[in-house]
């Protein structure tokens, strides 16, 4: 039975920024428009959409603004979520480029830039992507790869 003034999550509904939603917080239940939740707790809202898949939202009105808020609210979470879809400044390109492009097309160059150029903080690579990168580099230019990265492949 819904309580007066509370708007519990409806996993069947597609939410827009003006829709009200009640979520539990440290101070108890809190009701805000979804657009306000994006400012109040962007990481939590993003996890509800992407990881837990319990919140459906309009992409243009909610998800796109949320992703830009994540970049400022929690840069580390944003980098992990974006992974190789992150736009980076990479040598040889006049403007930003998706990290996935040099990762796939120039693994040795990407490895030099990422690991040896000390840019690990710029792009988050999951363990699976690290292994893929290290395998390619070990095959294409074995002298290039660091011992610690060869250890991961063993």
C-alpha atoms as a PDB file:
ATOM      1  CA  UNK A   1       0.000   0.000   0.000  1.00  0.00           C
ATOM      2  CA  UNK A   2       1.735   3.229  -1.122  1.00  0.00           C
ATOM      3  CA  UNK A   3       2.092   5.850   1.551  1.00  0.00           C
ATOM      4  CA  UNK A   4       0.808   9.364   0.932  1.00  0.00           C
ATOM      5  CA  UNK A   5       3.505  11.525  -0.669  1.00  0.00           C
ATOM      6  CA  UNK A   6       5.882   8.624  -1.349  1.00  0.00           C
ATOM      7  CA  UNK A   7       6.788   7.551  -4.867  1.00  0.00           C
ATOM      8  CA  UNK A   8       8.362   4.080  -4.674  1.00  0.00           C
ATOM      9  CA  UNK A   9      10.428   2.818  -7.578  1.00  0.00           C
ATOM     10  CA  UNK A  10       8.360   1.191 -10.317  1.00  0.00           C
ATOM     11  CA  UNK A  11      10.741  -1.010 -12.346  1.00  0.00           C
ATOM     12  CA  UNK A  12       8.187  -1.228 -15.197  1.00  0.00           C
ATOM     13  CA  UNK A  13       7.988   2.545 -15.645  1.00  0.00           C
ATOM     14  CA  UNK A  14      10.271   4.676 -17.844  1.00  0.00           C
ATOM     15  CA  UNK A  15      11.206   7.743 -15.805  1.00  0.00           C
ATOM     16  CA  UNK A  16      11.629  11.284 -17.089  1.00  0.00           C
ATOM     17  CA  UNK A  17      13.394  14.127 -15.269  1.00  0.00           C
ATOM     18  CA  UNK A  18      10.143  15.594 -13.841  1.00  0.00           C
ATOM     19  CA  UNK A  19       8.916  12.254 -12.393  1.00  0.00           C
ATOM     20  CA  UNK A  20       9.048  11.993  -8.605  1.00  0.00           C
ATOM     21  CA  UNK A  21      10.927   9.156  -6.936  1.00  0.00           C
ATOM     22  CA  UNK A  22      11.292   8.246  -3.262  1.00  0.00           C
ATOM     23  CA  UNK A  23      14.525   6.556  -2.194  1.00  0.00           C
ATOM     24  CA  UNK A  24      15.929   5.666   1.205  1.00  0.00           C
ATOM     25  CA  UNK A  25      18.758   7.902   2.363  1.00  0.00           C
ATOM     26  CA  UNK A  26      20.758   8.158   5.586  1.00  0.00           C
ATOM     27  CA  UNK A  27      18.146  10.682   6.766  1.00  0.00           C
ATOM     28  CA  UNK A  28      15.227   8.377   5.852  1.00  0.00           C
ATOM     29  CA  UNK A  29      12.995   8.292   2.772  1.00  0.00           C
ATOM     30  CA  UNK A  30      13.521  11.271   0.463  1.00  0.00           C
ATOM     31  CA  UNK A  31      11.321  12.258  -2.480  1.00  0.00           C
ATOM     32  CA  UNK A  32      12.803  14.281  -5.327  1.00  0.00           C
ATOM     33  CA  UNK A  33      12.167  14.690  -9.006  1.00  0.00           C
ATOM     34  CA  UNK A  34      14.486  12.376 -10.924  1.00  0.00           C
ATOM     35  CA  UNK A  35      16.240  15.434 -12.382  1.00  0.00           C
ATOM     36  CA  UNK A  36      17.097  16.525  -8.822  1.00  0.00           C
ATOM     37  CA  UNK A  37      18.323  13.023  -7.906  1.00  0.00           C
ATOM     38  CA  UNK A  38      20.874  13.374 -10.725  1.00  0.00           C
ATOM     39  CA  UNK A  39      22.475  16.221  -8.776  1.00  0.00           C
ATOM     40  CA  UNK A  40      21.886  14.774  -5.301  1.00  0.00           C
ATOM     41  CA  UNK A  41      23.303  11.263  -5.866  1.00  0.00           C
ATOM     42  CA  UNK A  42      24.378  10.703  -9.493  1.00  0.00           C
ATOM     43  CA  UNK A  43      26.458   7.566  -8.827  1.00  0.00           C
ATOM     44  CA  UNK A  44      23.598   5.810  -7.023  1.00  0.00           C
ATOM     45  CA  UNK A  45      21.125   6.654  -9.797  1.00  0.00           C
ATOM     46  CA  UNK A  46      23.605   5.489 -12.449  1.00  0.00           C
ATOM     47  CA  UNK A  47      24.159   2.159 -10.655  1.00  0.00           C
ATOM     48  CA  UNK A  48      20.384   1.657 -10.420  1.00  0.00           C
ATOM     49  CA  UNK A  49      20.131   2.110 -14.199  1.00  0.00           C
ATOM     50  CA  UNK A  50      23.273   0.360 -15.482  1.00  0.00           C
ATOM     51  CA  UNK A  51      24.358  -2.241 -12.932  1.00  0.00           C
ATOM     52  CA  UNK A  52      21.176  -3.161 -11.066  1.00  0.00           C
ATOM     53  CA  UNK A  53      18.860  -2.488 -14.050  1.00  0.00           C
ATOM     54  CA  UNK A  54      15.990  -1.581 -11.716  1.00  0.00           C
ATOM     55  CA  UNK A  55      15.474   1.976 -12.975  1.00  0.00           C
ATOM     56  CA  UNK A  56      14.433   2.645 -16.573  1.00  0.00           C
ATOM     57  CA  UNK A  57      14.945   6.199 -17.782  1.00  0.00           C
ATOM     58  CA  UNK A  58      14.567   8.278 -20.909  1.00  0.00           C
ATOM     59  CA  UNK A  59      18.000   8.345 -22.568  1.00  0.00           C
ATOM     60  CA  UNK A  60      17.903  11.924 -23.838  1.00  0.00           C
ATOM     61  CA  UNK A  61      16.218  13.553 -20.857  1.00  0.00           C
ATOM     62  CA  UNK A  62      17.866  11.592 -18.027  1.00  0.00           C
ATOM     63  CA  UNK A  63      20.770   9.305 -19.005  1.00  0.00           C
ATOM     64  CA  UNK A  64      22.766  11.755 -21.148  1.00  0.00           C
ATOM     65  CA  UNK A  65      22.742  14.544 -18.507  1.00  0.00           C
ATOM     66  CA  UNK A  66      23.510  11.956 -15.810  1.00  0.00           C
ATOM     67  CA  UNK A  67      26.669  10.772 -17.591  1.00  0.00           C
ATOM     68  CA  UNK A  68      27.966  14.352 -17.802  1.00  0.00           C
ATOM     69  CA  UNK A  69      27.232  14.882 -14.083  1.00  0.00           C
ATOM     70  CA  UNK A  70      29.121  11.688 -13.204  1.00  0.00           C
ATOM     71  CA  UNK A  71      32.286  13.064 -14.798  1.00  0.00           C
ATOM     72  CA  UNK A  72      32.311  15.916 -12.257  1.00  0.00           C
ATOM     73  CA  UNK A  73      30.745  14.145  -9.269  1.00  0.00           C
ATOM     74  CA  UNK A  74      32.979  11.061  -9.219  1.00  0.00           C
ATOM     75  CA  UNK A  75      35.737  11.044 -11.882  1.00  0.00           C
ATOM     76  CA  UNK A  76      37.046   7.615 -10.818  1.00  0.00           C
ATOM     77  CA  UNK A  77      33.629   5.960 -11.074  1.00  0.00           C
ATOM     78  CA  UNK A  78      33.119   7.706 -14.427  1.00  0.00           C
ATOM     79  CA  UNK A  79      36.461   6.408 -15.791  1.00  0.00           C
ATOM     80  CA  UNK A  80      35.686   2.850 -14.671  1.00  0.00           C
ATOM     81  CA  UNK A  81      32.235   2.974 -16.223  1.00  0.00           C
ATOM     82  CA  UNK A  82      33.458   4.474 -19.497  1.00  0.00           C
ATOM     83  CA  UNK A  83      36.581   2.297 -19.846  1.00  0.00           C
ATOM     84  CA  UNK A  84      37.694   2.291 -23.492  1.00  0.00           C
ATOM     85  CA  UNK A  85      34.751   4.524 -24.501  1.00  0.00           C
ATOM     86  CA  UNK A  86      36.469   7.447 -22.780  1.00  0.00           C
ATOM     87  CA  UNK A  87      37.648  10.278 -25.024  1.00  0.00           C
ATOM     88  CA  UNK A  88      41.384  10.868 -24.537  1.00  0.00           C
ATOM     89  CA  UNK A  89      44.104  13.137 -25.874  1.00  0.00           C
ATOM     90  CA  UNK A  90      46.337  10.717 -27.723  1.00  0.00           C
ATOM     91  CA  UNK A  91      49.514  11.532 -29.680  1.00  0.00           C
ATOM     92  CA  UNK A  92      48.949  11.853 -33.406  1.00  0.00           C
ATOM     93  CA  UNK A  93      45.347  13.050 -33.175  1.00  0.00           C
ATOM     94  CA  UNK A  94      44.449  16.737 -33.263  1.00  0.00           C
ATOM     95  CA  UNK A  95      41.395  16.311 -31.022  1.00  0.00           C
ATOM     96  CA  UNK A  96      40.133  13.830 -28.482  1.00  0.00           C
ATOM     97  CA  UNK A  97      39.649  10.241 -29.612  1.00  0.00           C
ATOM     98  CA  UNK A  98      37.936   7.185 -28.114  1.00  0.00           C
ATOM     99  CA  UNK A  99      40.553   5.193 -26.180  1.00  0.00           C
ATOM    100  CA  UNK A 100      39.222   2.066 -27.916  1.00  0.00           C
ATOM    101  CA  UNK A 101      40.621   3.212 -31.294  1.00  0.00           C
ATOM    102  CA  UNK A 102      44.360   3.252 -30.453  1.00  0.00           C
ATOM    103  CA  UNK A 103      43.810   0.297 -28.066  1.00  0.00           C
ATOM    104  CA  UNK A 104      42.613  -1.827 -30.997  1.00  0.00           C
ATOM    105  CA  UNK A 105      44.499  -0.294 -33.948  1.00  0.00           C
ATOM    106  CA  UNK A 106      47.853   0.472 -32.316  1.00  0.00           C
ATOM    107  CA  UNK A 107      48.222  -1.768 -29.247  1.00  0.00           C
ATOM    108  CA  UNK A 108      51.985  -1.200 -28.914  1.00  0.00           C
ATOM    109  CA  UNK A 109      51.599   2.587 -29.184  1.00  0.00           C
ATOM    110  CA  UNK A 110      48.681   2.525 -26.756  1.00  0.00           C
ATOM    111  CA  UNK A 111      50.711   0.411 -24.338  1.00  0.00           C
ATOM    112  CA  UNK A 112      53.630   2.877 -24.536  1.00  0.00           C
ATOM    113  CA  UNK A 113      51.268   5.792 -23.911  1.00  0.00           C
ATOM    114  CA  UNK A 114      49.188   4.095 -21.192  1.00  0.00           C
ATOM    115  CA  UNK A 115      51.750   2.136 -19.186  1.00  0.00           C
ATOM    116  CA  UNK A 116      55.146   3.633 -19.991  1.00  0.00           C
ATOM    117  CA  UNK A 117      53.802   7.163 -20.503  1.00  0.00           C
ATOM    118  CA  UNK A 118      52.247   6.974 -17.040  1.00  0.00           C
ATOM    119  CA  UNK A 119      48.661   7.519 -18.258  1.00  0.00           C
ATOM    120  CA  UNK A 120      47.090   4.636 -16.307  1.00  0.00           C
ATOM    121  CA  UNK A 121      45.055   7.241 -14.435  1.00  0.00           C
ATOM    122  CA  UNK A 122      43.547   8.537 -17.703  1.00  0.00           C
ATOM    123  CA  UNK A 123      41.927   5.290 -18.917  1.00  0.00           C
ATOM    124  CA  UNK A 124      40.633   2.433 -16.776  1.00  0.00           C
ATOM    125  CA  UNK A 125      41.343  -0.976 -18.288  1.00  0.00           C
ATOM    126  CA  UNK A 126      39.526  -3.959 -16.819  1.00  0.00           C
ATOM    127  CA  UNK A 127      41.680  -7.008 -16.129  1.00  0.00           C
ATOM    128  CA  UNK A 128      40.316  -8.602 -19.318  1.00  0.00           C
ATOM    129  CA  UNK A 129      41.350  -5.598 -21.415  1.00  0.00           C
ATOM    130  CA  UNK A 130      44.756  -5.475 -19.733  1.00  0.00           C
ATOM    131  CA  UNK A 131      45.326  -9.137 -20.619  1.00  0.00           C
ATOM    132  CA  UNK A 132      44.214  -8.533 -24.236  1.00  0.00           C
ATOM    133  CA  UNK A 133      46.574  -5.544 -24.492  1.00  0.00           C
ATOM    134  CA  UNK A 134      49.523  -7.325 -22.869  1.00  0.00           C
ATOM    135  CA  UNK A 135      49.046 -10.404 -25.105  1.00  0.00           C
ATOM    136  CA  UNK A 136      49.047  -8.265 -28.254  1.00  0.00           C
ATOM    137  CA  UNK A 137      52.105  -6.274 -27.164  1.00  0.00           C
ATOM    138  CA  UNK A 138      53.991  -9.427 -26.072  1.00  0.00           C
ATOM    139  CA  UNK A 139      53.342 -10.910 -29.518  1.00  0.00           C
ATOM    140  CA  UNK A 140      54.035  -7.772 -31.599  1.00  0.00           C
ATOM    141  CA  UNK A 141      56.949  -6.248 -29.648  1.00  0.00           C
ATOM    142  CA  UNK A 142      58.165  -8.585 -26.875  1.00  0.00           C
ATOM    143  CA  UNK A 143      60.988  -6.254 -25.789  1.00  0.00           C
ATOM    144  CA  UNK A 144      58.467  -3.483 -25.096  1.00  0.00           C
ATOM    145  CA  UNK A 145      56.400  -5.228 -22.417  1.00  0.00           C
ATOM    146  CA  UNK A 146      57.299  -4.774 -18.749  1.00  0.00           C
ATOM    147  CA  UNK A 147      58.083  -7.785 -16.543  1.00  0.00           C
ATOM    148  CA  UNK A 148      55.170  -7.004 -14.196  1.00  0.00           C
ATOM    149  CA  UNK A 149      52.772  -7.164 -17.155  1.00  0.00           C
ATOM    150  CA  UNK A 150      54.247 -10.445 -18.388  1.00  0.00           C
ATOM    151  CA  UNK A 151      53.581 -11.855 -14.898  1.00  0.00           C
ATOM    152  CA  UNK A 152      49.854 -11.151 -15.346  1.00  0.00           C
ATOM    153  CA  UNK A 153      49.875 -13.276 -18.504  1.00  0.00           C
ATOM    154  CA  UNK A 154      51.358 -16.318 -16.730  1.00  0.00           C
END
